[in-house]
Amino acid sequence: MPRLVLIDTATGTRVRHRIRSWKQALKQQEWYEAKLGRRVRIEKEFTR
């Protein structure tokens, strides 16, 4: 099962550790964008 991570679009670095649900990811994305003032994207991370 893939996990979701938040990535800062300006720097390309991970902002948040793994998140399990889309609902939680969207909430965290909104919060980080308000705090950082930059765009944050959600990406799927697959385990091998």
PDB file of N, CA and C in Angstrom:
ATOM      1  N   MET A   1       0.843  -1.185   0.000  1.00  0.00           N
ATOM      2  CA  MET A   1       0.000   0.000   0.000  1.00  0.00           C
ATOM      3  C   MET A   1       0.889   1.250   0.000  1.00  0.00           C
ATOM      4  N   PRO A   2       0.644   2.176  -0.906  1.00  0.00           N
ATOM      5  CA  PRO A   2       1.469   3.384  -0.932  1.00  0.00           C
ATOM      6  C   PRO A   2       1.117   4.310   0.225  1.00  0.00           C
ATOM      7  N   ARG A   3       2.103   5.055   0.653  1.00  0.00           N
ATOM      8  CA  ARG A   3       1.875   6.072   1.680  1.00  0.00           C
ATOM      9  C   ARG A   3       2.037   7.427   1.040  1.00  0.00           C
ATOM     10  N   LEU A   4       1.478   8.424   1.647  1.00  0.00           N
ATOM     11  CA  LEU A   4       1.515   9.775   1.102  1.00  0.00           C
ATOM     12  C   LEU A   4       2.540  10.608   1.857  1.00  0.00           C
ATOM     13  N   VAL A   5       3.248  11.465   1.124  1.00  0.00           N
ATOM     14  CA  VAL A   5       4.203  12.387   1.739  1.00  0.00           C
ATOM     15  C   VAL A   5       3.968  13.775   1.160  1.00  0.00           C
ATOM     16  N   LEU A   6       4.302  14.791   1.939  1.00  0.00           N
ATOM     17  CA  LEU A   6       4.186  16.171   1.473  1.00  0.00           C
ATOM     18  C   LEU A   6       5.560  16.663   1.044  1.00  0.00           C
ATOM     19  N   ILE A   7       5.621  17.266  -0.151  1.00  0.00           N
ATOM     20  CA  ILE A   7       6.869  17.751  -0.721  1.00  0.00           C
ATOM     21  C   ILE A   7       6.739  19.250  -0.975  1.00  0.00           C
ATOM     22  N   ASP A   8       7.729  20.029  -0.518  1.00  0.00           N
ATOM     23  CA  ASP A   8       7.775  21.470  -0.782  1.00  0.00           C
ATOM     24  C   ASP A   8       8.155  21.655  -2.252  1.00  0.00           C
ATOM     25  N   THR A   9       7.306  22.306  -3.042  1.00  0.00           N
ATOM     26  CA  THR A   9       7.547  22.424  -4.479  1.00  0.00           C
ATOM     27  C   THR A   9       8.728  23.329  -4.801  1.00  0.00           C
ATOM     28  N   ALA A  10       9.032  24.305  -3.961  1.00  0.00           N
ATOM     29  CA  ALA A  10      10.139  25.225  -4.228  1.00  0.00           C
ATOM     30  C   ALA A  10      11.493  24.541  -4.057  1.00  0.00           C
ATOM     31  N   THR A  11      11.638  23.741  -3.017  1.00  0.00           N
ATOM     32  CA  THR A  11      12.929  23.124  -2.725  1.00  0.00           C
ATOM     33  C   THR A  11      12.984  21.646  -3.097  1.00  0.00           C
ATOM     34  N   GLY A  12      11.838  20.992  -3.220  1.00  0.00           N
ATOM     35  CA  GLY A  12      11.805  19.569  -3.541  1.00  0.00           C
ATOM     36  C   GLY A  12      12.085  18.671  -2.359  1.00  0.00           C
ATOM     37  N   THR A  13      12.081  19.227  -1.150  1.00  0.00           N
ATOM     38  CA  THR A  13      12.348  18.436   0.045  1.00  0.00           C
ATOM     39  C   THR A  13      11.048  17.993   0.705  1.00  0.00           C
ATOM     40  N   ARG A  14      11.148  16.891   1.442  1.00  0.00           N
ATOM     41  CA  ARG A  14       9.988  16.369   2.158  1.00  0.00           C
ATOM     42  C   ARG A  14       9.688  17.268   3.355  1.00  0.00           C
ATOM     43  N   VAL A  15       8.426  17.615   3.522  1.00  0.00           N
ATOM     44  CA  VAL A  15       8.011  18.489   4.621  1.00  0.00           C
ATOM     45  C   VAL A  15       7.487  17.675   5.792  1.00  0.00           C
ATOM     46  N   ARG A  16       6.835  16.584   5.496  1.00  0.00           N
ATOM     47  CA  ARG A  16       6.147  15.813   6.525  1.00  0.00           C
ATOM     48  C   ARG A  16       6.443  14.340   6.328  1.00  0.00           C
ATOM     49  N   HIS A  17       6.413  13.589   7.422  1.00  0.00           N
ATOM     50  CA  HIS A  17       6.581  12.142   7.329  1.00  0.00           C
ATOM     51  C   HIS A  17       5.370  11.497   6.679  1.00  0.00           C
ATOM     52  N   ARG A  18       5.404  10.196   6.535  1.00  0.00           N
ATOM     53  CA  ARG A  18       4.331   9.478   5.842  1.00  0.00           C
ATOM     54  C   ARG A  18       2.958   9.722   6.458  1.00  0.00           C
ATOM     55  N   ILE A  19       1.966   9.829   5.587  1.00  0.00           N
ATOM     56  CA  ILE A  19       0.573  10.045   5.988  1.00  0.00           C
ATOM     57  C   ILE A  19      -0.247   8.909   5.376  1.00  0.00           C
ATOM     58  N   ARG A  20      -1.226   8.415   6.088  1.00  0.00           N
ATOM     59  CA  ARG A  20      -1.970   7.254   5.613  1.00  0.00           C
ATOM     60  C   ARG A  20      -3.201   7.578   4.765  1.00  0.00           C
ATOM     61  N   SER A  21      -3.900   8.670   5.043  1.00  0.00           N
ATOM     62  CA  SER A  21      -5.159   8.925   4.332  1.00  0.00           C
ATOM     63  C   SER A  21      -5.098  10.224   3.534  1.00  0.00           C
ATOM     64  N   TRP A  22      -5.887  10.268   2.447  1.00  0.00           N
ATOM     65  CA  TRP A  22      -5.959  11.481   1.628  1.00  0.00           C
ATOM     66  C   TRP A  22      -6.543  12.641   2.428  1.00  0.00           C
ATOM     67  N   LYS A  23      -7.513  12.350   3.271  1.00  0.00           N
ATOM     68  CA  LYS A  23      -8.148  13.397   4.068  1.00  0.00           C
ATOM     69  C   LYS A  23      -7.124  14.080   4.977  1.00  0.00           C
ATOM     70  N   GLN A  24      -6.305  13.285   5.646  1.00  0.00           N
ATOM     71  CA  GLN A  24      -5.275  13.826   6.521  1.00  0.00           C
ATOM     72  C   GLN A  24      -4.213  14.570   5.700  1.00  0.00           C
ATOM     73  N   ALA A  25      -3.868  14.047   4.518  1.00  0.00           N
ATOM     74  CA  ALA A  25      -2.862  14.678   3.662  1.00  0.00           C
ATOM     75  C   ALA A  25      -3.338  16.052   3.186  1.00  0.00           C
ATOM     76  N   LEU A  26      -4.587  16.163   2.811  1.00  0.00           N
ATOM     77  CA  LEU A  26      -5.135  17.447   2.358  1.00  0.00           C
ATOM     78  C   LEU A  26      -5.165  18.468   3.490  1.00  0.00           C
ATOM     79  N   LYS A  27      -5.506  18.000   4.681  1.00  0.00           N
ATOM     80  CA  LYS A  27      -5.531  18.879   5.853  1.00  0.00           C
ATOM     81  C   LYS A  27      -4.126  19.389   6.174  1.00  0.00           C
ATOM     82  N   GLN A  28      -3.134  18.476   6.155  1.00  0.00           N
ATOM     83  CA  GLN A  28      -1.746  18.849   6.420  1.00  0.00           C
ATOM     84  C   GLN A  28      -1.202  19.776   5.335  1.00  0.00           C
ATOM     85  N   GLN A  29      -1.569  19.514   4.072  1.00  0.00           N
ATOM     86  CA  GLN A  29      -1.131  20.359   2.956  1.00  0.00           C
ATOM     87  C   GLN A  29      -1.622  21.791   3.153  1.00  0.00           C
ATOM     88  N   GLU A  30      -2.873  21.938   3.512  1.00  0.00           N
ATOM     89  CA  GLU A  30      -3.458  23.262   3.747  1.00  0.00           C
ATOM     90  C   GLU A  30      -2.736  23.981   4.887  1.00  0.00           C
ATOM     91  N   TRP A  31      -2.451  23.251   5.965  1.00  0.00           N
ATOM     92  CA  TRP A  31      -1.794  23.839   7.129  1.00  0.00           C
ATOM     93  C   TRP A  31      -0.377  24.287   6.790  1.00  0.00           C
ATOM     94  N   TYR A  32       0.396  23.431   6.111  1.00  0.00           N
ATOM     95  CA  TYR A  32       1.777  23.774   5.762  1.00  0.00           C
ATOM     96  C   TYR A  32       1.840  24.936   4.772  1.00  0.00           C
ATOM     97  N   GLU A  33       0.911  24.987   3.809  1.00  0.00           N
ATOM     98  CA  GLU A  33       0.898  26.097   2.857  1.00  0.00           C
ATOM     99  C   GLU A  33       0.621  27.413   3.571  1.00  0.00           C
ATOM    100  N   ALA A  34      -0.237  27.394   4.578  1.00  0.00           N
ATOM    101  CA  ALA A  34      -0.524  28.605   5.347  1.00  0.00           C
ATOM    102  C   ALA A  34       0.703  29.016   6.180  1.00  0.00           C
ATOM    103  N   LYS A  35       1.390  28.039   6.773  1.00  0.00           N
ATOM    104  CA  LYS A  35       2.552  28.332   7.616  1.00  0.00           C
ATOM    105  C   LYS A  35       3.778  28.751   6.806  1.00  0.00           C
ATOM    106  N   LEU A  36       4.070  28.011   5.719  1.00  0.00           N
ATOM    107  CA  LEU A  36       5.270  28.272   4.934  1.00  0.00           C
ATOM    108  C   LEU A  36       5.095  29.398   3.917  1.00  0.00           C
ATOM    109  N   GLY A  37       3.861  29.569   3.450  1.00  0.00           N
ATOM    110  CA  GLY A  37       3.615  30.560   2.410  1.00  0.00           C
ATOM    111  C   GLY A  37       4.060  30.079   1.036  1.00  0.00           C
ATOM    112  N   ARG A  38       4.302  28.754   0.896  1.00  0.00           N
ATOM    113  CA  ARG A  38       4.717  28.159  -0.374  1.00  0.00           C
ATOM    114  C   ARG A  38       3.807  26.982  -0.694  1.00  0.00           C
ATOM    115  N   ARG A  39       3.831  26.555  -1.955  1.00  0.00           N
ATOM    116  CA  ARG A  39       3.037  25.407  -2.377  1.00  0.00           C
ATOM    117  C   ARG A  39       3.654  24.115  -1.862  1.00  0.00           C
ATOM    118  N   VAL A  40       2.804  23.186  -1.482  1.00  0.00           N
ATOM    119  CA  VAL A  40       3.219  21.864  -1.023  1.00  0.00           C
ATOM    120  C   VAL A  40       2.406  20.850  -1.821  1.00  0.00           C
ATOM    121  N   ARG A  41       3.090  19.850  -2.377  1.00  0.00           N
ATOM    122  CA  ARG A  41       2.364  18.838  -3.161  1.00  0.00           C
ATOM    123  C   ARG A  41       2.355  17.507  -2.424  1.00  0.00           C
ATOM    124  N   ILE A  42       1.347  16.704  -2.750  1.00  0.00           N
ATOM    125  CA  ILE A  42       1.201  15.382  -2.149  1.00  0.00           C
ATOM    126  C   ILE A  42       1.716  14.355  -3.157  1.00  0.00           C
ATOM    127  N   GLU A  43       2.586  13.461  -2.705  1.00  0.00           N
ATOM    128  CA  GLU A  43       3.105  12.398  -3.573  1.00  0.00           C
ATOM    129  C   GLU A  43       2.917  11.054  -2.900  1.00  0.00           C
ATOM    130  N   LYS A  44       2.779  10.025  -3.729  1.00  0.00           N
ATOM    131  CA  LYS A  44       2.678   8.656  -3.209  1.00  0.00           C
ATOM    132  C   LYS A  44       4.092   8.102  -3.084  1.00  0.00           C
ATOM    133  N   GLU A  45       4.331   7.401  -1.987  1.00  0.00           N
ATOM    134  CA  GLU A  45       5.611   6.747  -1.753  1.00  0.00           C
ATOM    135  C   GLU A  45       5.346   5.252  -1.656  1.00  0.00           C
ATOM    136  N   PHE A  46       5.988   4.494  -2.522  1.00  0.00           N
ATOM    137  CA  PHE A  46       5.790   3.051  -2.528  1.00  0.00           C
ATOM    138  C   PHE A  46       6.929   2.370  -1.789  1.00  0.00           C
ATOM    139  N   THR A  47       6.601   1.327  -1.033  1.00  0.00           N
ATOM    140  CA  THR A  47       7.626   0.558  -0.333  1.00  0.00           C
ATOM    141  C   THR A  47       8.013  -0.626  -1.212  1.00  0.00           C
ATOM    142  N   ARG A  48       9.241  -1.044  -1.112  1.00  0.00           N
ATOM    143  CA  ARG A  48       9.718  -2.169  -1.929  1.00  0.00           C
ATOM    144  C   ARG A  48       9.795  -3.431  -1.123  1.00  0.00           C
TER     145      ARG A  48
END
